[in-house]
Amino acid sequence: KKKKNKKKAKKKKKREQKKGKRDE
C-alpha cells in the first residue's frame, strides 16, 4: 500500500511539472 502511494505521488509530481511548464 505504501509503495502504491509513492507511485501516485510520482505521477502527481509529473502532472504538476507539466502544469508548471504550461504556466511558464
PDB file of N, CA and C in Angstrom:
ATOM      1  N   LYS A   1       0.839  -1.203   0.000  1.00  0.00           N
ATOM      2  CA  LYS A   1       0.000   0.000   0.000  1.00  0.00           C
ATOM      3  C   LYS A   1       0.876   1.256   0.000  1.00  0.00           C
ATOM      4  N   LYS A   2       1.941   1.201   0.761  1.00  0.00           N
ATOM      5  CA  LYS A   2       2.839   2.371   0.829  1.00  0.00           C
ATOM      6  C   LYS A   2       3.507   2.587  -0.527  1.00  0.00           C
ATOM      7  N   LYS A   3       3.856   1.496  -1.170  1.00  0.00           N
ATOM      8  CA  LYS A   3       4.523   1.605  -2.474  1.00  0.00           C
ATOM      9  C   LYS A   3       3.570   2.241  -3.490  1.00  0.00           C
ATOM     10  N   LYS A   4       2.312   1.852  -3.394  1.00  0.00           N
ATOM     11  CA  LYS A   4       1.326   2.384  -4.336  1.00  0.00           C
ATOM     12  C   LYS A   4       1.217   3.905  -4.157  1.00  0.00           C
ATOM     13  N   ASN A   5       1.262   4.313  -2.904  1.00  0.00           N
ATOM     14  CA  ASN A   5       1.148   5.739  -2.605  1.00  0.00           C
ATOM     15  C   ASN A   5       2.316   6.500  -3.227  1.00  0.00           C
ATOM     16  N   LYS A   6       3.481   5.879  -3.160  1.00  0.00           N
ATOM     17  CA  LYS A   6       4.681   6.520  -3.706  1.00  0.00           C
ATOM     18  C   LYS A   6       4.520   6.698  -5.219  1.00  0.00           C
ATOM     19  N   LYS A   7       3.974   5.689  -5.865  1.00  0.00           N
ATOM     20  CA  LYS A   7       3.783   5.756  -7.314  1.00  0.00           C
ATOM     21  C   LYS A   7       2.825   6.897  -7.648  1.00  0.00           C
ATOM     22  N   LYS A   8       1.784   7.007  -6.842  1.00  0.00           N
ATOM     23  CA  LYS A   8       0.789   8.061  -7.078  1.00  0.00           C
ATOM     24  C   LYS A   8       1.429   9.433  -6.913  1.00  0.00           C
ATOM     25  N   ALA A   9       2.262   9.539  -5.911  1.00  0.00           N
ATOM     26  CA  ALA A   9       2.937  10.822  -5.633  1.00  0.00           C
ATOM     27  C   ALA A   9       3.820  11.191  -6.829  1.00  0.00           C
ATOM     28  N   LYS A  10       4.475  10.193  -7.386  1.00  0.00           N
ATOM     29  CA  LYS A  10       5.365  10.449  -8.524  1.00  0.00           C
ATOM     30  C   LYS A  10       4.537  10.972  -9.703  1.00  0.00           C
ATOM     31  N   LYS A  11       3.391  10.352  -9.914  1.00  0.00           N
ATOM     32  CA  LYS A  11       2.523  10.768 -11.014  1.00  0.00           C
ATOM     33  C   LYS A  11       2.054  12.204 -10.772  1.00  0.00           C
ATOM     34  N   LYS A  12       1.715  12.480  -9.527  1.00  0.00           N
ATOM     35  CA  LYS A  12       1.228  13.814  -9.178  1.00  0.00           C
ATOM     36  C   LYS A  12       2.322  14.855  -9.443  1.00  0.00           C
ATOM     37  N   LYS A  13       3.545  14.487  -9.092  1.00  0.00           N
ATOM     38  CA  LYS A  13       4.674  15.409  -9.276  1.00  0.00           C
ATOM     39  C   LYS A  13       4.849  15.687 -10.774  1.00  0.00           C
ATOM     40  N   LYS A  14       4.786  14.647 -11.560  1.00  0.00           N
ATOM     41  CA  LYS A  14       4.960  14.797 -13.009  1.00  0.00           C
ATOM     42  C   LYS A  14       3.843  15.693 -13.554  1.00  0.00           C
ATOM     43  N   ARG A  15       2.645  15.481 -13.048  1.00  0.00           N
ATOM     44  CA  ARG A  15       1.494  16.262 -13.511  1.00  0.00           C
ATOM     45  C   ARG A  15       1.708  17.736 -13.160  1.00  0.00           C
ATOM     46  N   GLU A  16       2.186  17.965 -11.960  1.00  0.00           N
ATOM     47  CA  GLU A  16       2.421  19.344 -11.519  1.00  0.00           C
ATOM     48  C   GLU A  16       3.509  19.993 -12.370  1.00  0.00           C
ATOM     49  N   GLN A  17       4.521  19.197 -12.700  1.00  0.00           N
ATOM     50  CA  GLN A  17       5.625  19.724 -13.506  1.00  0.00           C
ATOM     51  C   GLN A  17       5.095  20.135 -14.883  1.00  0.00           C
ATOM     52  N   LYS A  18       4.222  19.321 -15.430  1.00  0.00           N
ATOM     53  CA  LYS A  18       3.658  19.605 -16.750  1.00  0.00           C
ATOM     54  C   LYS A  18       2.852  20.907 -16.666  1.00  0.00           C
ATOM     55  N   LYS A  19       2.089  21.034 -15.596  1.00  0.00           N
ATOM     56  CA  LYS A  19       1.260  22.229 -15.402  1.00  0.00           C
ATOM     57  C   LYS A  19       2.158  23.460 -15.299  1.00  0.00           C
ATOM     58  N   GLY A  20       3.254  23.296 -14.568  1.00  0.00           N
ATOM     59  CA  GLY A  20       4.177  24.412 -14.367  1.00  0.00           C
ATOM     60  C   GLY A  20       4.787  24.830 -15.698  1.00  0.00           C
ATOM     61  N   LYS A  21       5.120  23.869 -16.518  1.00  0.00           N
ATOM     62  CA  LYS A  21       5.732  24.167 -17.818  1.00  0.00           C
ATOM     63  C   LYS A  21       4.726  24.951 -18.670  1.00  0.00           C
ATOM     64  N   ARG A  22       3.489  24.551 -18.592  1.00  0.00           N
ATOM     65  CA  ARG A  22       2.447  25.192 -19.389  1.00  0.00           C
ATOM     66  C   ARG A  22       2.244  26.640 -18.895  1.00  0.00           C
ATOM     67  N   ASP A  23       2.401  26.795 -17.585  1.00  0.00           N
ATOM     68  CA  ASP A  23       2.190  28.108 -16.979  1.00  0.00           C
ATOM     69  C   ASP A  23       3.302  29.083 -17.393  1.00  0.00           C
ATOM     70  N   GLU A  24       4.504  28.532 -17.579  1.00  0.00           N
ATOM     71  CA  GLU A  24       5.637  29.387 -17.886  1.00  0.00           C
ATOM     72  C   GLU A  24       5.431  30.187 -19.149  1.00  0.00           C
TER      73      GLU A  24
END
